[in-house]
Amino acid sequence: MKVQFYKNSRGDYLVCDYIENLKIIKHQKKIYNKLRLLEKIGHEQMLRTQDVKKIKGYDNIYELRISYQNCYYRIFFSIFNNSYWLLHAFMKKSDKTPASEIETAFSRYSNLLNNE
């Protein structure tokens, strides 16, 4: 399946912009490598590792987990129209994922469904 970037109503590709605005190029490369792996082997294979996690309580919302040099990035994605849609990205700063980050991803997923 192909990776697609969610586009908001203003035409911004928020996850792509987030990655591109990271100041450390090696972190960008690590994230893009993980996205290529998602495309290549799929989420079901990655669920068997610690790289992808299904978000409990939400249909079709997954968390791609990237760790590099004590930085923990998370990208929420869903599966829609035979593609992985990247909905939201952030740097995780605590053990528990903030509910507001999950809600942002779910809101964008709902918008994606309503606009197709």
PDB file of N, CA and C in Angstrom:
ATOM      1  N   MET A   1       0.832  -1.181   0.000  1.00  0.00           N
ATOM      2  CA  MET A   1       0.000   0.000   0.000  1.00  0.00           C
ATOM      3  C   MET A   1       0.875   1.242   0.000  1.00  0.00           C
ATOM      4  N   LYS A   2       0.361   2.289  -0.567  1.00  0.00           N
ATOM      5  CA  LYS A   2       1.086   3.547  -0.678  1.00  0.00           C
ATOM      6  C   LYS A   2       0.805   4.444   0.530  1.00  0.00           C
ATOM      7  N   VAL A   3       1.814   5.216   0.928  1.00  0.00           N
ATOM      8  CA  VAL A   3       1.653   6.206   1.986  1.00  0.00           C
ATOM      9  C   VAL A   3       1.163   7.505   1.361  1.00  0.00           C
ATOM     10  N   GLN A   4       0.104   8.083   1.944  1.00  0.00           N
ATOM     11  CA  GLN A   4      -0.452   9.360   1.496  1.00  0.00           C
ATOM     12  C   GLN A   4      -0.439  10.326   2.670  1.00  0.00           C
ATOM     13  N   PHE A   5      -0.254  11.597   2.385  1.00  0.00           N
ATOM     14  CA  PHE A   5      -0.283  12.623   3.418  1.00  0.00           C
ATOM     15  C   PHE A   5      -1.650  13.290   3.435  1.00  0.00           C
ATOM     16  N   TYR A   6      -2.259  13.347   4.610  1.00  0.00           N
ATOM     17  CA  TYR A   6      -3.520  14.059   4.797  1.00  0.00           C
ATOM     18  C   TYR A   6      -3.303  15.543   4.494  1.00  0.00           C
ATOM     19  N   LYS A   7      -4.262  16.133   3.769  1.00  0.00           N
ATOM     20  CA  LYS A   7      -4.210  17.553   3.430  1.00  0.00           C
ATOM     21  C   LYS A   7      -5.386  18.253   4.088  1.00  0.00           C
ATOM     22  N   ASN A   8      -5.123  19.324   4.831  1.00  0.00           N
ATOM     23  CA  ASN A   8      -6.218  20.031   5.493  1.00  0.00           C
ATOM     24  C   ASN A   8      -6.949  20.948   4.505  1.00  0.00           C
ATOM     25  N   SER A   9      -7.960  21.649   4.980  1.00  0.00           N
ATOM     26  CA  SER A   9      -8.802  22.468   4.101  1.00  0.00           C
ATOM     27  C   SER A   9      -8.036  23.636   3.475  1.00  0.00           C
ATOM     28  N   ARG A  10      -6.931  24.038   4.075  1.00  0.00           N
ATOM     29  CA  ARG A  10      -6.110  25.115   3.501  1.00  0.00           C
ATOM     30  C   ARG A  10      -5.097  24.588   2.496  1.00  0.00           C
ATOM     31  N   GLY A  11      -5.033  23.276   2.351  1.00  0.00           N
ATOM     32  CA  GLY A  11      -4.094  22.682   1.408  1.00  0.00           C
ATOM     33  C   GLY A  11      -2.746  22.336   2.004  1.00  0.00           C
ATOM     34  N   ASP A  12      -2.631  22.366   3.334  1.00  0.00           N
ATOM     35  CA  ASP A  12      -1.368  22.040   4.003  1.00  0.00           C
ATOM     36  C   ASP A  12      -1.269  20.532   4.238  1.00  0.00           C
ATOM     37  N   TYR A  13      -0.096  19.986   3.982  1.00  0.00           N
ATOM     38  CA  TYR A  13       0.199  18.589   4.287  1.00  0.00           C
ATOM     39  C   TYR A  13       0.899  18.579   5.640  1.00  0.00           C
ATOM     40  N   LEU A  14       0.121  18.445   6.697  1.00  0.00           N
ATOM     41  CA  LEU A  14       0.599  18.707   8.055  1.00  0.00           C
ATOM     42  C   LEU A  14       1.705  17.763   8.512  1.00  0.00           C
ATOM     43  N   VAL A  15       1.588  16.477   8.219  1.00  0.00           N
ATOM     44  CA  VAL A  15       2.620  15.522   8.647  1.00  0.00           C
ATOM     45  C   VAL A  15       3.904  15.753   7.850  1.00  0.00           C
ATOM     46  N   CYS A  16       3.767  15.965   6.573  1.00  0.00           N
ATOM     47  CA  CYS A  16       4.937  16.243   5.737  1.00  0.00           C
ATOM     48  C   CYS A  16       5.630  17.520   6.219  1.00  0.00           C
ATOM     49  N   ASP A  17       4.857  18.556   6.488  1.00  0.00           N
ATOM     50  CA  ASP A  17       5.423  19.808   6.992  1.00  0.00           C
ATOM     51  C   ASP A  17       6.135  19.589   8.327  1.00  0.00           C
ATOM     52  N   TYR A  18       5.523  18.787   9.189  1.00  0.00           N
ATOM     53  CA  TYR A  18       6.141  18.492  10.494  1.00  0.00           C
ATOM     54  C   TYR A  18       7.516  17.850  10.305  1.00  0.00           C
ATOM     55  N   ILE A  19       7.574  16.840   9.451  1.00  0.00           N
ATOM     56  CA  ILE A  19       8.835  16.124   9.219  1.00  0.00           C
ATOM     57  C   ILE A  19       9.872  17.070   8.605  1.00  0.00           C
ATOM     58  N   GLU A  20       9.464  17.818   7.609  1.00  0.00           N
ATOM     59  CA  GLU A  20      10.390  18.719   6.917  1.00  0.00           C
ATOM     60  C   GLU A  20      10.902  19.832   7.822  1.00  0.00           C
ATOM     61  N   ASN A  21      10.147  20.198   8.843  1.00  0.00           N
ATOM     62  CA  ASN A  21      10.554  21.263   9.755  1.00  0.00           C
ATOM     63  C   ASN A  21      11.412  20.771  10.917  1.00  0.00           C
ATOM     64  N   LEU A  22      11.654  19.472  11.000  1.00  0.00           N
ATOM     65  CA  LEU A  22      12.567  18.974  12.028  1.00  0.00           C
ATOM     66  C   LEU A  22      13.967  19.502  11.736  1.00  0.00           C
ATOM     67  N   LYS A  23      14.632  19.975  12.753  1.00  0.00           N
ATOM     68  CA  LYS A  23      15.927  20.630  12.566  1.00  0.00           C
ATOM     69  C   LYS A  23      17.075  19.642  12.318  1.00  0.00           C
ATOM     70  N   ILE A  24      16.900  18.409  12.755  1.00  0.00           N
ATOM     71  CA  ILE A  24      17.972  17.415  12.611  1.00  0.00           C
ATOM     72  C   ILE A  24      17.650  16.504  11.425  1.00  0.00           C
ATOM     73  N   ILE A  25      18.459  16.619  10.385  1.00  0.00           N
ATOM     74  CA  ILE A  25      18.229  15.883   9.139  1.00  0.00           C
ATOM     75  C   ILE A  25      18.228  14.372   9.376  1.00  0.00           C
ATOM     76  N   LYS A  26      19.066  13.878  10.280  1.00  0.00           N
ATOM     77  CA  LYS A  26      19.102  12.440  10.558  1.00  0.00           C
ATOM     78  C   LYS A  26      17.765  11.951  11.107  1.00  0.00           C
ATOM     79  N   HIS A  27      17.073  12.791  11.843  1.00  0.00           N
ATOM     80  CA  HIS A  27      15.753  12.418  12.359  1.00  0.00           C
ATOM     81  C   HIS A  27      14.747  12.333  11.210  1.00  0.00           C
ATOM     82  N   GLN A  28      14.822  13.271  10.293  1.00  0.00           N
ATOM     83  CA  GLN A  28      13.957  13.222   9.107  1.00  0.00           C
ATOM     84  C   GLN A  28      14.187  11.925   8.337  1.00  0.00           C
ATOM     85  N   LYS A  29      15.432  11.600   8.126  1.00  0.00           N
ATOM     86  CA  LYS A  29      15.775  10.382   7.375  1.00  0.00           C
ATOM     87  C   LYS A  29      15.254   9.137   8.073  1.00  0.00           C
ATOM     88  N   LYS A  30      15.393   9.093   9.391  1.00  0.00           N
ATOM     89  CA  LYS A  30      14.903   7.942  10.165  1.00  0.00           C
ATOM     90  C   LYS A  30      13.389   7.787   9.988  1.00  0.00           C
ATOM     91  N   ILE A  31      12.667   8.898  10.034  1.00  0.00           N
ATOM     92  CA  ILE A  31      11.206   8.854   9.870  1.00  0.00           C
ATOM     93  C   ILE A  31      10.847   8.403   8.460  1.00  0.00           C
ATOM     94  N   TYR A  32      11.489   8.977   7.444  1.00  0.00           N
ATOM     95  CA  TYR A  32      11.187   8.572   6.061  1.00  0.00           C
ATOM     96  C   TYR A  32      11.531   7.103   5.818  1.00  0.00           C
ATOM     97  N   ASN A  33      12.599   6.605   6.441  1.00  0.00           N
ATOM     98  CA  ASN A  33      12.932   5.184   6.312  1.00  0.00           C
ATOM     99  C   ASN A  33      11.831   4.307   6.904  1.00  0.00           C
ATOM    100  N   LYS A  34      11.286   4.731   8.042  1.00  0.00           N
ATOM    101  CA  LYS A  34      10.211   3.965   8.679  1.00  0.00           C
ATOM    102  C   LYS A  34       8.951   4.000   7.813  1.00  0.00           C
ATOM    103  N   LEU A  35       8.681   5.131   7.155  1.00  0.00           N
ATOM    104  CA  LEU A  35       7.521   5.224   6.257  1.00  0.00           C
ATOM    105  C   LEU A  35       7.701   4.327   5.034  1.00  0.00           C
ATOM    106  N   ARG A  36       8.920   4.258   4.517  1.00  0.00           N
ATOM    107  CA  ARG A  36       9.182   3.346   3.394  1.00  0.00           C
ATOM    108  C   ARG A  36       8.994   1.890   3.818  1.00  0.00           C
ATOM    109  N   LEU A  37       9.403   1.572   5.045  1.00  0.00           N
ATOM    110  CA  LEU A  37       9.214   0.215   5.568  1.00  0.00           C
ATOM    111  C   LEU A  37       7.723  -0.100   5.675  1.00  0.00           C
ATOM    112  N   LEU A  38       6.933   0.852   6.132  1.00  0.00           N
ATOM    113  CA  LEU A  38       5.476   0.670   6.208  1.00  0.00           C
ATOM    114  C   LEU A  38       4.921   0.349   4.829  1.00  0.00           C
ATOM    115  N   GLU A  39       5.337   1.099   3.821  1.00  0.00           N
ATOM    116  CA  GLU A  39       4.874   0.833   2.453  1.00  0.00           C
ATOM    117  C   GLU A  39       5.317  -0.545   1.969  1.00  0.00           C
ATOM    118  N   LYS A  40       6.540  -0.902   2.298  1.00  0.00           N
ATOM    119  CA  LYS A  40       7.127  -2.138   1.774  1.00  0.00           C
ATOM    120  C   LYS A  40       6.539  -3.392   2.415  1.00  0.00           C
ATOM    121  N   ILE A  41       6.465  -3.429   3.750  1.00  0.00           N
ATOM    122  CA  ILE A  41       6.045  -4.675   4.394  1.00  0.00           C
ATOM    123  C   ILE A  41       4.625  -4.618   4.960  1.00  0.00           C
ATOM    124  N   GLY A  42       4.079  -3.422   5.116  1.00  0.00           N
ATOM    125  CA  GLY A  42       2.698  -3.292   5.574  1.00  0.00           C
ATOM    126  C   GLY A  42       2.540  -3.219   7.080  1.00  0.00           C
ATOM    127  N   HIS A  43       1.403  -2.703   7.483  1.00  0.00           N
ATOM    128  CA  HIS A  43       1.142  -2.492   8.915  1.00  0.00           C
ATOM    129  C   HIS A  43       0.950  -3.794   9.673  1.00  0.00           C
ATOM    130  N   GLU A  44       0.380  -4.810   9.022  1.00  0.00           N
ATOM    131  CA  GLU A  44       0.138  -6.078   9.726  1.00  0.00           C
ATOM    132  C   GLU A  44       1.455  -6.717  10.149  1.00  0.00           C
ATOM    133  N   GLN A  45       2.449  -6.669   9.278  1.00  0.00           N
ATOM    134  CA  GLN A  45       3.771  -7.194   9.622  1.00  0.00           C
ATOM    135  C   GLN A  45       4.400  -6.353  10.733  1.00  0.00           C
ATOM    136  N   MET A  46       4.225  -5.041  10.652  1.00  0.00           N
ATOM    137  CA  MET A  46       4.834  -4.146  11.638  1.00  0.00           C
ATOM    138  C   MET A  46       4.120  -4.201  12.984  1.00  0.00           C
ATOM    139  N   LEU A  47       2.857  -4.642  13.001  1.00  0.00           N
ATOM    140  CA  LEU A  47       2.150  -4.828  14.267  1.00  0.00           C
ATOM    141  C   LEU A  47       2.813  -5.902  15.115  1.00  0.00           C
ATOM    142  N   ARG A  48       3.508  -6.821  14.472  1.00  0.00           N
ATOM    143  CA  ARG A  48       4.194  -7.903  15.183  1.00  0.00           C
ATOM    144  C   ARG A  48       5.455  -7.408  15.892  1.00  0.00           C
ATOM    145  N   THR A  49       5.890  -6.221  15.533  1.00  0.00           N
ATOM    146  CA  THR A  49       7.051  -5.606  16.176  1.00  0.00           C
ATOM    147  C   THR A  49       6.535  -4.484  17.082  1.00  0.00           C
ATOM    148  N   GLN A  50       7.423  -3.660  17.552  1.00  0.00           N
ATOM    149  CA  GLN A  50       7.014  -2.497  18.348  1.00  0.00           C
ATOM    150  C   GLN A  50       6.882  -1.247  17.480  1.00  0.00           C
ATOM    151  N   ASP A  51       6.942  -1.401  16.156  1.00  0.00           N
ATOM    152  CA  ASP A  51       6.927  -0.246  15.254  1.00  0.00           C
ATOM    153  C   ASP A  51       5.536   0.326  15.020  1.00  0.00           C
ATOM    154  N   VAL A  52       4.515  -0.507  15.094  1.00  0.00           N
ATOM    155  CA  VAL A  52       3.133  -0.053  14.882  1.00  0.00           C
ATOM    156  C   VAL A  52       2.270  -0.576  16.008  1.00  0.00           C
ATOM    157  N   LYS A  53       1.366   0.270  16.448  1.00  0.00           N
ATOM    158  CA  LYS A  53       0.431  -0.097  17.514  1.00  0.00           C
ATOM    159  C   LYS A  53      -0.966   0.363  17.104  1.00  0.00           C
ATOM    160  N   LYS A  54      -1.955  -0.498  17.296  1.00  0.00           N
ATOM    161  CA  LYS A  54      -3.352  -0.135  17.083  1.00  0.00           C
ATOM    162  C   LYS A  54      -3.808   0.690  18.276  1.00  0.00           C
ATOM    163  N   ILE A  55      -4.485   1.801  18.023  1.00  0.00           N
ATOM    164  CA  ILE A  55      -4.967   2.655  19.101  1.00  0.00           C
ATOM    165  C   ILE A  55      -6.296   2.103  19.606  1.00  0.00           C
ATOM    166  N   LYS A  56      -6.315   1.725  20.869  1.00  0.00           N
ATOM    167  CA  LYS A  56      -7.512   1.147  21.469  1.00  0.00           C
ATOM    168  C   LYS A  56      -8.633   2.176  21.536  1.00  0.00           C
ATOM    169  N   GLY A  57      -9.843   1.705  21.246  1.00  0.00           N
ATOM    170  CA  GLY A  57     -11.014   2.562  21.329  1.00  0.00           C
ATOM    171  C   GLY A  57     -11.289   3.359  20.066  1.00  0.00           C
ATOM    172  N   TYR A  58     -10.444   3.213  19.052  1.00  0.00           N
ATOM    173  CA  TYR A  58     -10.620   3.942  17.792  1.00  0.00           C
ATOM    174  C   TYR A  58     -10.537   2.946  16.642  1.00  0.00           C
ATOM    175  N   ASP A  59     -11.534   2.984  15.786  1.00  0.00           N
ATOM    176  CA  ASP A  59     -11.489   2.138  14.600  1.00  0.00           C
ATOM    177  C   ASP A  59     -10.511   2.727  13.600  1.00  0.00           C
ATOM    178  N   ASN A  60      -9.609   1.910  13.129  1.00  0.00           N
ATOM    179  CA  ASN A  60      -8.753   2.266  12.005  1.00  0.00           C
ATOM    180  C   ASN A  60      -7.770   3.407  12.297  1.00  0.00           C
ATOM    181  N   ILE A  61      -7.323   3.537  13.520  1.00  0.00           N
ATOM    182  CA  ILE A  61      -6.271   4.500  13.852  1.00  0.00           C
ATOM    183  C   ILE A  61      -5.085   3.719  14.416  1.00  0.00           C
ATOM    184  N   TYR A  62      -3.936   3.925  13.799  1.00  0.00           N
ATOM    185  CA  TYR A  62      -2.706   3.238  14.189  1.00  0.00           C
ATOM    186  C   TYR A  62      -1.632   4.274  14.502  1.00  0.00           C
ATOM    187  N   GLU A  63      -0.655   3.822  15.280  1.00  0.00           N
ATOM    188  CA  GLU A  63       0.456   4.683  15.667  1.00  0.00           C
ATOM    189  C   GLU A  63       1.746   4.074  15.136  1.00  0.00           C
ATOM    190  N   LEU A  64       2.442   4.819  14.295  1.00  0.00           N
ATOM    191  CA  LEU A  64       3.770   4.431  13.830  1.00  0.00           C
ATOM    192  C   LEU A  64       4.767   5.024  14.813  1.00  0.00           C
ATOM    193  N   ARG A  65       5.650   4.166  15.333  1.00  0.00           N
ATOM    194  CA  ARG A  65       6.554   4.577  16.405  1.00  0.00           C
ATOM    195  C   ARG A  65       7.981   4.637  15.870  1.00  0.00           C
ATOM    196  N   ILE A  66       8.591   5.816  16.036  1.00  0.00           N
ATOM    197  CA  ILE A  66       9.957   6.030  15.586  1.00  0.00           C
ATOM    198  C   ILE A  66      10.773   6.546  16.771  1.00  0.00           C
ATOM    199  N   SER A  67      11.855   5.858  17.077  1.00  0.00           N
ATOM    200  CA  SER A  67      12.755   6.277  18.150  1.00  0.00           C
ATOM    201  C   SER A  67      14.133   6.489  17.563  1.00  0.00           C
ATOM    202  N   TYR A  68      14.744   7.620  17.935  1.00  0.00           N
ATOM    203  CA  TYR A  68      16.084   7.902  17.446  1.00  0.00           C
ATOM    204  C   TYR A  68      16.756   8.896  18.382  1.00  0.00           C
ATOM    205  N   GLN A  69      17.890   8.519  18.922  1.00  0.00           N
ATOM    206  CA  GLN A  69      18.693   9.376  19.795  1.00  0.00           C
ATOM    207  C   GLN A  69      17.856  10.024  20.907  1.00  0.00           C
ATOM    208  N   ASN A  70      17.147   9.213  21.651  1.00  0.00           N
ATOM    209  CA  ASN A  70      16.310   9.660  22.771  1.00  0.00           C
ATOM    210  C   ASN A  70      15.177  10.599  22.371  1.00  0.00           C
ATOM    211  N   CYS A  71      14.800  10.583  21.102  1.00  0.00           N
ATOM    212  CA  CYS A  71      13.616  11.309  20.625  1.00  0.00           C
ATOM    213  C   CYS A  71      12.608  10.264  20.173  1.00  0.00           C
ATOM    214  N   TYR A  72      11.367  10.472  20.570  1.00  0.00           N
ATOM    215  CA  TYR A  72      10.321   9.494  20.274  1.00  0.00           C
ATOM    216  C   TYR A  72       9.236  10.181  19.464  1.00  0.00           C
ATOM    217  N   TYR A  73       9.204   9.864  18.178  1.00  0.00           N
ATOM    218  CA  TYR A  73       8.220  10.447  17.280  1.00  0.00           C
ATOM    219  C   TYR A  73       7.068   9.470  17.086  1.00  0.00           C
ATOM    220  N   ARG A  74       5.878  10.030  16.927  1.00  0.00           N
ATOM    221  CA  ARG A  74       4.698   9.224  16.670  1.00  0.00           C
ATOM    222  C   ARG A  74       3.961   9.820  15.477  1.00  0.00           C
ATOM    223  N   ILE A  75       3.549   8.935  14.580  1.00  0.00           N
ATOM    224  CA  ILE A  75       2.730   9.340  13.441  1.00  0.00           C
ATOM    225  C   ILE A  75       1.490   8.473  13.448  1.00  0.00           C
ATOM    226  N   PHE A  76       0.346   9.128  13.559  1.00  0.00           N
ATOM    227  CA  PHE A  76      -0.921   8.405  13.492  1.00  0.00           C
ATOM    228  C   PHE A  76      -1.333   8.275  12.042  1.00  0.00           C
ATOM    229  N   PHE A  77      -1.812   7.078  11.700  1.00  0.00           N
ATOM    230  CA  PHE A  77      -2.277   6.850  10.339  1.00  0.00           C
ATOM    231  C   PHE A  77      -3.513   5.971  10.356  1.00  0.00           C
ATOM    232  N   SER A  78      -4.216   5.985   9.225  1.00  0.00           N
ATOM    233  CA  SER A  78      -5.358   5.100   9.035  1.00  0.00           C
ATOM    234  C   SER A  78      -5.246   4.497   7.642  1.00  0.00           C
ATOM    235  N   ILE A  79      -6.080   3.507   7.399  1.00  0.00           N
ATOM    236  CA  ILE A  79      -6.098   2.836   6.103  1.00  0.00           C
ATOM    237  C   ILE A  79      -7.396   3.219   5.414  1.00  0.00           C
ATOM    238  N   PHE A  80      -7.261   3.792   4.227  1.00  0.00           N
ATOM    239  CA  PHE A  80      -8.428   4.267   3.497  1.00  0.00           C
ATOM    240  C   PHE A  80      -8.106   4.229   2.008  1.00  0.00           C
ATOM    241  N   ASN A  81      -9.041   3.712   1.205  1.00  0.00           N
ATOM    242  CA  ASN A  81      -8.845   3.616  -0.251  1.00  0.00           C
ATOM    243  C   ASN A  81      -7.511   2.966  -0.616  1.00  0.00           C
ATOM    244  N   ASN A  82      -7.208   1.878   0.073  1.00  0.00           N
ATOM    245  CA  ASN A  82      -6.009   1.087  -0.207  1.00  0.00           C
ATOM    246  C   ASN A  82      -4.707   1.884  -0.066  1.00  0.00           C
ATOM    247  N   SER A  83      -4.707   2.840   0.868  1.00  0.00           N
ATOM    248  CA  SER A  83      -3.516   3.633   1.162  1.00  0.00           C
ATOM    249  C   SER A  83      -3.394   3.828   2.665  1.00  0.00           C
ATOM    250  N   TYR A  84      -2.177   4.094   3.100  1.00  0.00           N
ATOM    251  CA  TYR A  84      -1.927   4.518   4.477  1.00  0.00           C
ATOM    252  C   TYR A  84      -1.978   6.043   4.490  1.00  0.00           C
ATOM    253  N   TRP A  85      -2.918   6.606   5.217  1.00  0.00           N
ATOM    254  CA  TRP A  85      -3.063   8.056   5.300  1.00  0.00           C
ATOM    255  C   TRP A  85      -2.438   8.554   6.585  1.00  0.00           C
ATOM    256  N   LEU A  86      -1.404   9.380   6.450  1.00  0.00           N
ATOM    257  CA  LEU A  86      -0.711   9.948   7.602  1.00  0.00           C
ATOM    258  C   LEU A  86      -1.494  11.152   8.085  1.00  0.00           C
ATOM    259  N   LEU A  87      -1.988  11.070   9.317  1.00  0.00           N
ATOM    260  CA  LEU A  87      -2.936  12.051   9.832  1.00  0.00           C
ATOM    261  C   LEU A  87      -2.308  13.094  10.754  1.00  0.00           C
ATOM    262  N   HIS A  88      -1.400  12.663  11.605  1.00  0.00           N
ATOM    263  CA  HIS A  88      -0.869  13.569  12.627  1.00  0.00           C
ATOM    264  C   HIS A  88       0.471  13.053  13.119  1.00  0.00           C
ATOM    265  N   ALA A  89       1.396  13.987  13.385  1.00  0.00           N
ATOM    266  CA  ALA A  89       2.722  13.620  13.890  1.00  0.00           C
ATOM    267  C   ALA A  89       3.091  14.532  15.052  1.00  0.00           C
ATOM    268  N   PHE A  90       3.812  13.963  15.993  1.00  0.00           N
ATOM    269  CA  PHE A  90       4.291  14.746  17.128  1.00  0.00           C
ATOM    270  C   PHE A  90       5.454  14.027  17.779  1.00  0.00           C
ATOM    271  N   MET A  91       6.171  14.761  18.634  1.00  0.00           N
ATOM    272  CA  MET A  91       7.239  14.155  19.414  1.00  0.00           C
ATOM    273  C   MET A  91       6.677  13.822  20.789  1.00  0.00           C
ATOM    274  N   LYS A  92       6.807  12.582  21.165  1.00  0.00           N
ATOM    275  CA  LYS A  92       6.274  12.115  22.437  1.00  0.00           C
ATOM    276  C   LYS A  92       7.229  12.499  23.560  1.00  0.00           C
ATOM    277  N   LYS A  93       6.678  13.125  24.602  1.00  0.00           N
ATOM    278  CA  LYS A  93       7.516  13.608  25.706  1.00  0.00           C
ATOM    279  C   LYS A  93       7.208  12.926  27.030  1.00  0.00           C
ATOM    280  N   SER A  94       6.181  12.074  27.050  1.00  0.00           N
ATOM    281  CA  SER A  94       5.850  11.355  28.275  1.00  0.00           C
ATOM    282  C   SER A  94       5.524   9.908  27.925  1.00  0.00           C
ATOM    283  N   ASP A  95       5.379   9.077  28.942  1.00  0.00           N
ATOM    284  CA  ASP A  95       5.093   7.660  28.699  1.00  0.00           C
ATOM    285  C   ASP A  95       3.732   7.453  28.038  1.00  0.00           C
ATOM    286  N   LYS A  96       2.760   8.224  28.449  1.00  0.00           N
ATOM    287  CA  LYS A  96       1.405   8.059  27.942  1.00  0.00           C
ATOM    288  C   LYS A  96       1.152   9.034  26.795  1.00  0.00           C
ATOM    289  N   THR A  97       0.565   8.530  25.719  1.00  0.00           N
ATOM    290  CA  THR A  97       0.219   9.395  24.594  1.00  0.00           C
ATOM    291  C   THR A  97      -0.946  10.295  24.993  1.00  0.00           C
ATOM    292  N   PRO A  98      -0.783  11.609  24.874  1.00  0.00           N
ATOM    293  CA  PRO A  98      -1.875  12.514  25.247  1.00  0.00           C
ATOM    294  C   PRO A  98      -3.131  12.268  24.406  1.00  0.00           C
ATOM    295  N   ALA A  99      -4.274  12.254  25.068  1.00  0.00           N
ATOM    296  CA  ALA A  99      -5.549  12.028  24.380  1.00  0.00           C
ATOM    297  C   ALA A  99      -5.782  13.077  23.297  1.00  0.00           C
ATOM    298  N   SER A 100      -5.305  14.299  23.518  1.00  0.00           N
ATOM    299  CA  SER A 100      -5.506  15.364  22.532  1.00  0.00           C
ATOM    300  C   SER A 100      -4.817  15.043  21.208  1.00  0.00           C
ATOM    301  N   GLU A 101      -3.679  14.352  21.254  1.00  0.00           N
ATOM    302  CA  GLU A 101      -2.972  13.974  20.026  1.00  0.00           C
ATOM    303  C   GLU A 101      -3.775  12.923  19.254  1.00  0.00           C
ATOM    304  N   ILE A 102      -4.350  11.975  19.980  1.00  0.00           N
ATOM    305  CA  ILE A 102      -5.176  10.944  19.344  1.00  0.00           C
ATOM    306  C   ILE A 102      -6.438  11.578  18.763  1.00  0.00           C
ATOM    307  N   GLU A 103      -7.037  12.488  19.491  1.00  0.00           N
ATOM    308  CA  GLU A 103      -8.249  13.165  19.015  1.00  0.00           C
ATOM    309  C   GLU A 103      -7.977  13.973  17.748  1.00  0.00           C
ATOM    310  N   THR A 104      -6.805  14.593  17.668  1.00  0.00           N
ATOM    311  CA  THR A 104      -6.440  15.323  16.452  1.00  0.00           C
ATOM    312  C   THR A 104      -6.404  14.375  15.262  1.00  0.00           C
ATOM    313  N   ALA A 105      -5.786  13.232  15.452  1.00  0.00           N
ATOM    314  CA  ALA A 105      -5.719  12.238  14.371  1.00  0.00           C
ATOM    315  C   ALA A 105      -7.112  11.744  13.994  1.00  0.00           C
ATOM    316  N   PHE A 106      -7.939  11.468  14.985  1.00  0.00           N
ATOM    317  CA  PHE A 106      -9.282  10.963  14.710  1.00  0.00           C
ATOM    318  C   PHE A 106     -10.122  12.015  13.987  1.00  0.00           C
ATOM    319  N   SER A 107      -9.986  13.266  14.374  1.00  0.00           N
ATOM    320  CA  SER A 107     -10.710  14.351  13.708  1.00  0.00           C
ATOM    321  C   SER A 107     -10.313  14.438  12.227  1.00  0.00           C
ATOM    322  N   ARG A 108      -9.036  14.313  11.963  1.00  0.00           N
ATOM    323  CA  ARG A 108      -8.572  14.351  10.567  1.00  0.00           C
ATOM    324  C   ARG A 108      -9.038  13.129   9.794  1.00  0.00           C
ATOM    325  N   TYR A 109      -9.083  11.998  10.449  1.00  0.00           N
ATOM    326  CA  TYR A 109      -9.612  10.787   9.805  1.00  0.00           C
ATOM    327  C   TYR A 109     -11.080  10.983   9.450  1.00  0.00           C
ATOM    328  N   SER A 110     -11.841  11.551  10.361  1.00  0.00           N
ATOM    329  CA  SER A 110     -13.267  11.825  10.088  1.00  0.00           C
ATOM    330  C   SER A 110     -13.413  12.782   8.906  1.00  0.00           C
ATOM    331  N   ASN A 111     -12.567  13.791   8.855  1.00  0.00           N
ATOM    332  CA  ASN A 111     -12.596  14.726   7.721  1.00  0.00           C
ATOM    333  C   ASN A 111     -12.255  14.015   6.415  1.00  0.00           C
ATOM    334  N   LEU A 112     -11.302  13.132   6.469  1.00  0.00           N
ATOM    335  CA  LEU A 112     -10.915  12.358   5.282  1.00  0.00           C
ATOM    336  C   LEU A 112     -12.094  11.546   4.775  1.00  0.00           C
ATOM    337  N   LEU A 113     -12.800  10.880   5.684  1.00  0.00           N
ATOM    338  CA  LEU A 113     -13.952  10.074   5.282  1.00  0.00           C
ATOM    339  C   LEU A 113     -15.074  10.938   4.702  1.00  0.00           C
ATOM    340  N   ASN A 114     -15.294  12.090   5.292  1.00  0.00           N
ATOM    341  CA  ASN A 114     -16.382  12.965   4.856  1.00  0.00           C
ATOM    342  C   ASN A 114     -16.111  13.671   3.542  1.00  0.00           C
ATOM    343  N   ASN A 115     -14.830  13.813   3.187  1.00  0.00           N
ATOM    344  CA  ASN A 115     -14.477  14.533   1.968  1.00  0.00           C
ATOM    345  C   ASN A 115     -14.244  13.618   0.778  1.00  0.00           C
ATOM    346  N   GLU A 116     -14.329  12.333   0.973  1.00  0.00           N
ATOM    347  CA  GLU A 116     -14.134  11.392  -0.158  1.00  0.00           C
ATOM    348  C   GLU A 116     -15.445  10.946  -0.727  1.00  0.00           C
TER     349      GLU A 116
END
